[in-house]
Every structure is written in structure tokens, then in C-alpha cells.
């Protein structure tokens, strides 16, 4: 039975790592990009430095 318990801990650890990596990737895609942002709208041209 100790072998089954070690495999269970290994699977749980791997799942925690996978959730962490996916969360970090989601955070990176949602984060505002740095640099220059140019918007053209009804009020004209707007340039912002981020």
C-alpha cells in the first residue's frame, strides 16, 4: 500500500504544478502590454505611454 500512496502524492503534486503553470500563462495573457498605445476613436487620436 505505501506504493499506492506515493503515486497518489505524485499525481497530486503534478496537478498542482499544472494548475500553477496554467494560471501563470493566463495571467500573462490578461496583463496589459507595456510600451506605447495608440487609439483612434471618435474623439481623435490618443497616444499613451504605458
N, C-alpha and C. Protein backbone atom coordinates (compact mmCIF):
# COMPACT_ATOMS: atom_id res chain seq x y z
N UNK A 1 0.80 -1.22 0.00
CA UNK A 1 0.00 0.00 0.00
C UNK A 1 0.84 1.28 0.00
N UNK A 2 2.05 1.30 0.57
CA UNK A 2 2.82 2.55 0.54
C UNK A 2 3.12 3.01 -0.88
N UNK A 3 3.25 2.08 -1.83
CA UNK A 3 3.50 2.46 -3.22
C UNK A 3 2.34 3.22 -3.81
N UNK A 4 1.12 2.79 -3.48
CA UNK A 4 -0.07 3.50 -3.99
C UNK A 4 -0.16 4.91 -3.42
N UNK A 5 0.23 5.07 -2.18
CA UNK A 5 0.19 6.38 -1.54
C UNK A 5 1.20 7.33 -2.19
N UNK A 6 2.40 6.81 -2.52
CA UNK A 6 3.41 7.64 -3.18
C UNK A 6 2.94 8.06 -4.56
N UNK A 7 2.30 7.16 -5.27
CA UNK A 7 1.79 7.51 -6.61
C UNK A 7 0.70 8.57 -6.48
N UNK A 8 -0.14 8.46 -5.48
CA UNK A 8 -1.20 9.46 -5.27
C UNK A 8 -0.59 10.84 -4.99
N UNK A 9 0.44 10.89 -4.14
CA UNK A 9 1.10 12.18 -3.86
C UNK A 9 1.77 12.73 -5.11
N UNK A 10 2.34 11.87 -5.93
CA UNK A 10 2.97 12.30 -7.18
C UNK A 10 1.93 12.90 -8.12
N UNK A 11 0.79 12.27 -8.25
CA UNK A 11 -0.28 12.77 -9.12
C UNK A 11 -0.80 14.10 -8.61
N UNK A 12 -1.01 14.22 -7.30
CA UNK A 12 -1.50 15.48 -6.73
C UNK A 12 -0.47 16.59 -6.94
N UNK A 13 0.81 16.29 -6.74
CA UNK A 13 1.86 17.28 -6.97
C UNK A 13 1.91 17.73 -8.42
N UNK A 14 1.78 16.78 -9.34
CA UNK A 14 1.79 17.12 -10.76
C UNK A 14 0.59 18.00 -11.11
N UNK A 15 -0.57 17.71 -10.56
CA UNK A 15 -1.75 18.54 -10.82
C UNK A 15 -1.58 19.95 -10.28
N UNK A 16 -0.95 20.09 -9.12
CA UNK A 16 -0.70 21.42 -8.56
C UNK A 16 0.24 22.21 -9.47
N UNK A 17 1.26 21.54 -9.99
CA UNK A 17 2.20 22.21 -10.90
C UNK A 17 1.48 22.64 -12.17
N UNK A 18 0.65 21.77 -12.73
CA UNK A 18 -0.08 22.08 -13.97
C UNK A 18 -1.01 23.27 -13.74
N UNK A 19 -1.73 23.29 -12.63
CA UNK A 19 -2.63 24.41 -12.35
C UNK A 19 -1.84 25.70 -12.17
N UNK A 20 -0.69 25.63 -11.54
CA UNK A 20 0.15 26.82 -11.37
C UNK A 20 0.64 27.36 -12.70
N UNK A 21 1.10 26.48 -13.58
CA UNK A 21 1.60 26.91 -14.89
C UNK A 21 0.47 27.51 -15.73
N UNK A 22 -0.70 26.87 -15.72
CA UNK A 22 -1.83 27.40 -16.48
C UNK A 22 -2.28 28.75 -15.93
N UNK A 23 -2.29 28.91 -14.62
CA UNK A 23 -2.65 30.18 -14.02
C UNK A 23 -1.68 31.28 -14.39
N UNK A 24 -0.39 30.97 -14.40
CA UNK A 24 0.62 31.96 -14.78
C UNK A 24 0.46 32.36 -16.24
N UNK A 25 0.22 31.39 -17.12
CA UNK A 25 0.02 31.70 -18.53
C UNK A 25 -1.22 32.57 -18.74
N UNK A 26 -2.28 32.29 -18.02
CA UNK A 26 -3.49 33.10 -18.12
C UNK A 26 -3.23 34.52 -17.63
N UNK A 27 -2.47 34.66 -16.56
CA UNK A 27 -2.12 35.98 -16.04
C UNK A 27 -1.30 36.77 -17.07
N UNK A 28 -0.37 36.12 -17.72
CA UNK A 28 0.47 36.79 -18.71
C UNK A 28 -0.35 37.26 -19.92
N UNK A 29 -1.35 36.48 -20.34
CA UNK A 29 -2.15 36.88 -21.49
C UNK A 29 -3.12 38.01 -21.14
N UNK A 30 -3.58 38.07 -19.90
CA UNK A 30 -4.51 39.12 -19.49
C UNK A 30 -3.82 40.43 -19.14
N UNK A 31 -2.52 40.37 -18.84
CA UNK A 31 -1.78 41.55 -18.41
C UNK A 31 -1.68 42.56 -19.56
N UNK A 32 -1.80 43.83 -19.22
CA UNK A 32 -1.67 44.89 -20.22
C UNK A 32 -0.25 44.92 -20.77
N UNK A 33 -0.11 45.02 -22.07
CA UNK A 33 1.24 45.10 -22.63
C UNK A 33 1.89 46.43 -22.30
N UNK A 34 3.21 46.40 -22.14
CA UNK A 34 3.95 47.61 -21.85
C UNK A 34 4.37 48.26 -23.17
N UNK A 35 4.54 49.57 -23.14
CA UNK A 35 5.00 50.28 -24.33
C UNK A 35 4.05 51.39 -24.70
N UNK A 36 3.97 51.66 -25.97
CA UNK A 36 3.17 52.76 -26.50
C UNK A 36 1.84 52.23 -27.00
N UNK A 37 0.76 52.90 -26.63
CA UNK A 37 -0.56 52.52 -27.08
C UNK A 37 -1.16 53.67 -27.87
N UNK A 38 -1.63 53.39 -29.08
CA UNK A 38 -2.23 54.40 -29.95
C UNK A 38 -3.68 54.01 -30.20
N UNK A 39 -4.61 54.91 -29.86
CA UNK A 39 -6.03 54.67 -30.07
C UNK A 39 -6.59 55.73 -31.00
N UNK A 40 -7.38 55.30 -31.97
CA UNK A 40 -8.07 56.21 -32.87
C UNK A 40 -9.55 56.00 -32.64
N UNK A 41 -10.23 57.05 -32.20
CA UNK A 41 -11.65 56.94 -31.90
C UNK A 41 -12.40 58.16 -32.34
N UNK A 42 -13.64 58.29 -31.92
CA UNK A 42 -14.46 59.44 -32.31
C UNK A 42 -13.91 60.77 -31.79
N UNK A 43 -13.13 60.72 -30.72
CA UNK A 43 -12.56 61.95 -30.17
C UNK A 43 -11.20 62.28 -30.77
N UNK A 44 -10.76 61.50 -31.73
CA UNK A 44 -9.48 61.77 -32.39
C UNK A 44 -8.43 60.74 -31.99
N UNK A 45 -7.19 61.15 -32.15
CA UNK A 45 -6.04 60.28 -31.89
C UNK A 45 -5.58 60.44 -30.46
N UNK A 46 -5.37 59.32 -29.76
CA UNK A 46 -4.88 59.35 -28.39
C UNK A 46 -3.65 58.45 -28.29
N UNK A 47 -2.56 58.98 -27.80
CA UNK A 47 -1.32 58.23 -27.63
C UNK A 47 -0.98 58.18 -26.15
N UNK A 48 -0.81 56.96 -25.63
CA UNK A 48 -0.48 56.78 -24.21
C UNK A 48 0.80 55.97 -24.09
N UNK A 49 1.62 56.37 -23.14
CA UNK A 49 2.83 55.62 -22.84
C UNK A 49 2.55 54.75 -21.63
N UNK A 50 2.63 53.46 -21.77
CA UNK A 50 2.31 52.53 -20.68
C UNK A 50 3.56 52.12 -19.95
